[in-house]
Amino acid sequence: MRTTSDSDSVRLYHLDADSGAATTLLYGTMAEALRAAEAEQEDVQEGLFLQTSNDVIAYLDFIGG
């Protein structure tokens, strides 16, 4: 992911592995999205993605997990 800051606008969404459906959990800042993602259960975290205006990355890859 390109360089980001805590105040960058992001979309946090969950991608269902079975159906492929994407469910938006939050539109907000990177800091808000990271707090929301951290609060989710581990099995949910596996399907979380962070989307900025020019990039998408899996949440667990972003945090190094």
N, C-alpha and C. Protein backbone atom coordinates (compact mmCIF):
# COMPACT_ATOMS: atom_id res chain seq x y z
N MET A 1 0.86 -1.17 0.00
CA MET A 1 0.00 0.00 0.00
C MET A 1 0.90 1.22 0.00
N ARG A 2 0.49 2.21 -0.74
CA ARG A 2 1.24 3.45 -0.77
C ARG A 2 1.23 4.10 0.61
N THR A 3 2.10 5.05 0.81
CA THR A 3 2.19 5.73 2.09
C THR A 3 0.84 6.33 2.48
N THR A 4 0.45 6.10 3.71
CA THR A 4 -0.81 6.63 4.22
C THR A 4 -0.58 7.28 5.57
N SER A 5 -1.54 8.09 5.98
CA SER A 5 -1.49 8.67 7.32
C SER A 5 -2.79 8.34 8.04
N ASP A 6 -2.81 8.56 9.33
CA ASP A 6 -3.99 8.24 10.13
C ASP A 6 -5.23 9.00 9.70
N SER A 7 -5.03 10.14 9.03
CA SER A 7 -6.18 10.97 8.64
C SER A 7 -6.66 10.72 7.21
N ASP A 8 -6.00 9.83 6.47
CA ASP A 8 -6.44 9.52 5.11
C ASP A 8 -7.81 8.87 5.12
N SER A 9 -8.62 9.19 4.12
CA SER A 9 -9.94 8.59 3.99
C SER A 9 -9.83 7.18 3.44
N VAL A 10 -10.54 6.25 4.08
CA VAL A 10 -10.51 4.86 3.64
C VAL A 10 -11.90 4.25 3.74
N ARG A 11 -12.04 3.14 3.07
CA ARG A 11 -13.23 2.28 3.20
C ARG A 11 -12.74 0.98 3.80
N LEU A 12 -13.37 0.55 4.86
CA LEU A 12 -13.10 -0.76 5.46
C LEU A 12 -14.24 -1.66 5.05
N TYR A 13 -13.91 -2.77 4.40
CA TYR A 13 -14.97 -3.68 4.01
C TYR A 13 -14.58 -5.13 4.24
N HIS A 14 -15.60 -5.97 4.32
CA HIS A 14 -15.41 -7.40 4.50
C HIS A 14 -15.79 -8.11 3.22
N LEU A 15 -14.93 -8.98 2.75
CA LEU A 15 -15.18 -9.76 1.54
C LEU A 15 -15.47 -11.20 1.96
N ASP A 16 -16.69 -11.65 1.72
CA ASP A 16 -17.09 -13.00 2.08
C ASP A 16 -16.42 -14.00 1.16
N ALA A 17 -15.66 -14.91 1.73
CA ALA A 17 -14.90 -15.88 0.94
C ALA A 17 -15.80 -16.83 0.15
N ASP A 18 -16.98 -17.12 0.67
CA ASP A 18 -17.87 -18.07 0.00
C ASP A 18 -18.65 -17.42 -1.14
N SER A 19 -19.28 -16.29 -0.85
CA SER A 19 -20.14 -15.67 -1.86
C SER A 19 -19.44 -14.60 -2.70
N GLY A 20 -18.34 -14.08 -2.17
CA GLY A 20 -17.64 -12.99 -2.88
C GLY A 20 -18.28 -11.64 -2.66
N ALA A 21 -19.29 -11.58 -1.79
CA ALA A 21 -19.98 -10.32 -1.52
C ALA A 21 -19.12 -9.42 -0.63
N ALA A 22 -19.07 -8.14 -0.99
CA ALA A 22 -18.34 -7.15 -0.20
C ALA A 22 -19.34 -6.34 0.61
N THR A 23 -19.09 -6.25 1.92
CA THR A 23 -19.93 -5.48 2.82
C THR A 23 -19.11 -4.37 3.44
N THR A 24 -19.50 -3.13 3.18
CA THR A 24 -18.79 -1.99 3.75
C THR A 24 -19.11 -1.88 5.23
N LEU A 25 -18.05 -1.80 6.04
CA LEU A 25 -18.22 -1.66 7.48
C LEU A 25 -18.05 -0.22 7.93
N LEU A 26 -17.23 0.54 7.19
CA LEU A 26 -16.94 1.89 7.63
C LEU A 26 -16.34 2.71 6.49
N TYR A 27 -16.77 3.94 6.37
CA TYR A 27 -16.08 4.96 5.60
C TYR A 27 -15.56 5.94 6.64
N GLY A 28 -14.28 6.17 6.68
CA GLY A 28 -13.73 7.07 7.68
C GLY A 28 -12.24 7.26 7.48
N THR A 29 -11.57 7.62 8.55
CA THR A 29 -10.12 7.81 8.48
C THR A 29 -9.42 6.47 8.66
N MET A 30 -8.16 6.43 8.30
CA MET A 30 -7.37 5.22 8.49
C MET A 30 -7.36 4.83 9.97
N ALA A 31 -7.21 5.80 10.85
CA ALA A 31 -7.19 5.51 12.29
C ALA A 31 -8.50 4.86 12.74
N GLU A 32 -9.62 5.39 12.28
CA GLU A 32 -10.93 4.82 12.64
C GLU A 32 -11.08 3.41 12.09
N ALA A 33 -10.66 3.21 10.86
CA ALA A 33 -10.77 1.90 10.23
C ALA A 33 -9.92 0.86 10.93
N LEU A 34 -8.72 1.24 11.33
CA LEU A 34 -7.84 0.30 12.02
C LEU A 34 -8.41 -0.07 13.39
N ARG A 35 -8.98 0.89 14.10
CA ARG A 35 -9.61 0.59 15.39
C ARG A 35 -10.81 -0.35 15.20
N ALA A 36 -11.62 -0.08 14.19
CA ALA A 36 -12.79 -0.91 13.93
C ALA A 36 -12.38 -2.33 13.54
N ALA A 37 -11.37 -2.44 12.70
CA ALA A 37 -10.90 -3.76 12.26
C ALA A 37 -10.32 -4.55 13.43
N GLU A 38 -9.58 -3.87 14.28
CA GLU A 38 -8.98 -4.54 15.44
C GLU A 38 -10.04 -5.09 16.38
N ALA A 39 -11.20 -4.45 16.44
CA ALA A 39 -12.28 -4.87 17.33
C ALA A 39 -13.03 -6.08 16.81
N GLU A 40 -12.86 -6.41 15.54
CA GLU A 40 -13.55 -7.57 14.96
C GLU A 40 -12.90 -8.88 15.40
N GLN A 41 -13.67 -9.95 15.35
CA GLN A 41 -13.15 -11.28 15.68
C GLN A 41 -12.13 -11.71 14.63
N GLU A 42 -11.24 -12.61 15.02
CA GLU A 42 -10.17 -13.06 14.12
C GLU A 42 -10.69 -13.61 12.80
N ASP A 43 -11.76 -14.39 12.85
CA ASP A 43 -12.26 -14.98 11.61
C ASP A 43 -12.81 -13.91 10.68
N VAL A 44 -13.33 -12.83 11.22
CA VAL A 44 -13.81 -11.71 10.40
C VAL A 44 -12.62 -10.93 9.85
N GLN A 45 -11.59 -10.74 10.68
CA GLN A 45 -10.41 -9.99 10.25
C GLN A 45 -9.77 -10.59 9.01
N GLU A 46 -9.88 -11.89 8.84
CA GLU A 46 -9.29 -12.57 7.68
C GLU A 46 -9.89 -12.09 6.37
N GLY A 47 -11.10 -11.55 6.40
CA GLY A 47 -11.76 -11.08 5.19
C GLY A 47 -11.84 -9.57 5.07
N LEU A 48 -11.12 -8.85 5.94
CA LEU A 48 -11.18 -7.39 5.91
C LEU A 48 -10.18 -6.78 4.94
N PHE A 49 -10.61 -5.70 4.29
CA PHE A 49 -9.76 -4.98 3.35
C PHE A 49 -9.86 -3.48 3.60
N LEU A 50 -8.75 -2.79 3.39
CA LEU A 50 -8.69 -1.34 3.48
C LEU A 50 -8.54 -0.80 2.06
N GLN A 51 -9.40 0.13 1.70
CA GLN A 51 -9.35 0.72 0.36
C GLN A 51 -9.17 2.22 0.48
N THR A 52 -8.10 2.73 -0.15
CA THR A 52 -7.89 4.18 -0.24
C THR A 52 -8.32 4.61 -1.63
N SER A 53 -8.06 5.85 -1.97
CA SER A 53 -8.46 6.34 -3.29
C SER A 53 -7.67 5.68 -4.41
N ASN A 54 -6.54 5.06 -4.08
CA ASN A 54 -5.73 4.48 -5.15
C ASN A 54 -5.14 3.11 -4.85
N ASP A 55 -5.65 2.44 -3.81
CA ASP A 55 -5.06 1.15 -3.47
C ASP A 55 -6.02 0.34 -2.60
N VAL A 56 -5.80 -0.96 -2.56
CA VAL A 56 -6.55 -1.88 -1.69
C VAL A 56 -5.54 -2.85 -1.10
N ILE A 57 -5.70 -3.13 0.20
CA ILE A 57 -4.83 -4.11 0.84
C ILE A 57 -5.62 -4.87 1.90
N ALA A 58 -5.31 -6.13 2.06
CA ALA A 58 -5.94 -6.92 3.12
C ALA A 58 -5.49 -6.36 4.47
N TYR A 59 -6.41 -6.27 5.39
CA TYR A 59 -6.11 -5.73 6.72
C TYR A 59 -4.95 -6.47 7.38
N LEU A 60 -4.99 -7.81 7.36
CA LEU A 60 -3.93 -8.59 8.02
C LEU A 60 -2.57 -8.36 7.35
N ASP A 61 -2.53 -8.17 6.06
CA ASP A 61 -1.28 -7.84 5.38
C ASP A 61 -0.78 -6.47 5.81
N PHE A 62 -1.70 -5.53 5.95
CA PHE A 62 -1.34 -4.16 6.34
C PHE A 62 -0.71 -4.12 7.73
N ILE A 63 -1.27 -4.89 8.66
CA ILE A 63 -0.73 -4.87 10.02
C ILE A 63 0.41 -5.89 10.20
N GLY A 64 0.68 -6.65 9.16
CA GLY A 64 1.78 -7.61 9.23
C GLY A 64 1.42 -8.91 9.90
N GLY A 65 0.13 -9.24 9.90
CA GLY A 65 -0.33 -10.46 10.58
C GLY A 65 -0.55 -11.60 9.67
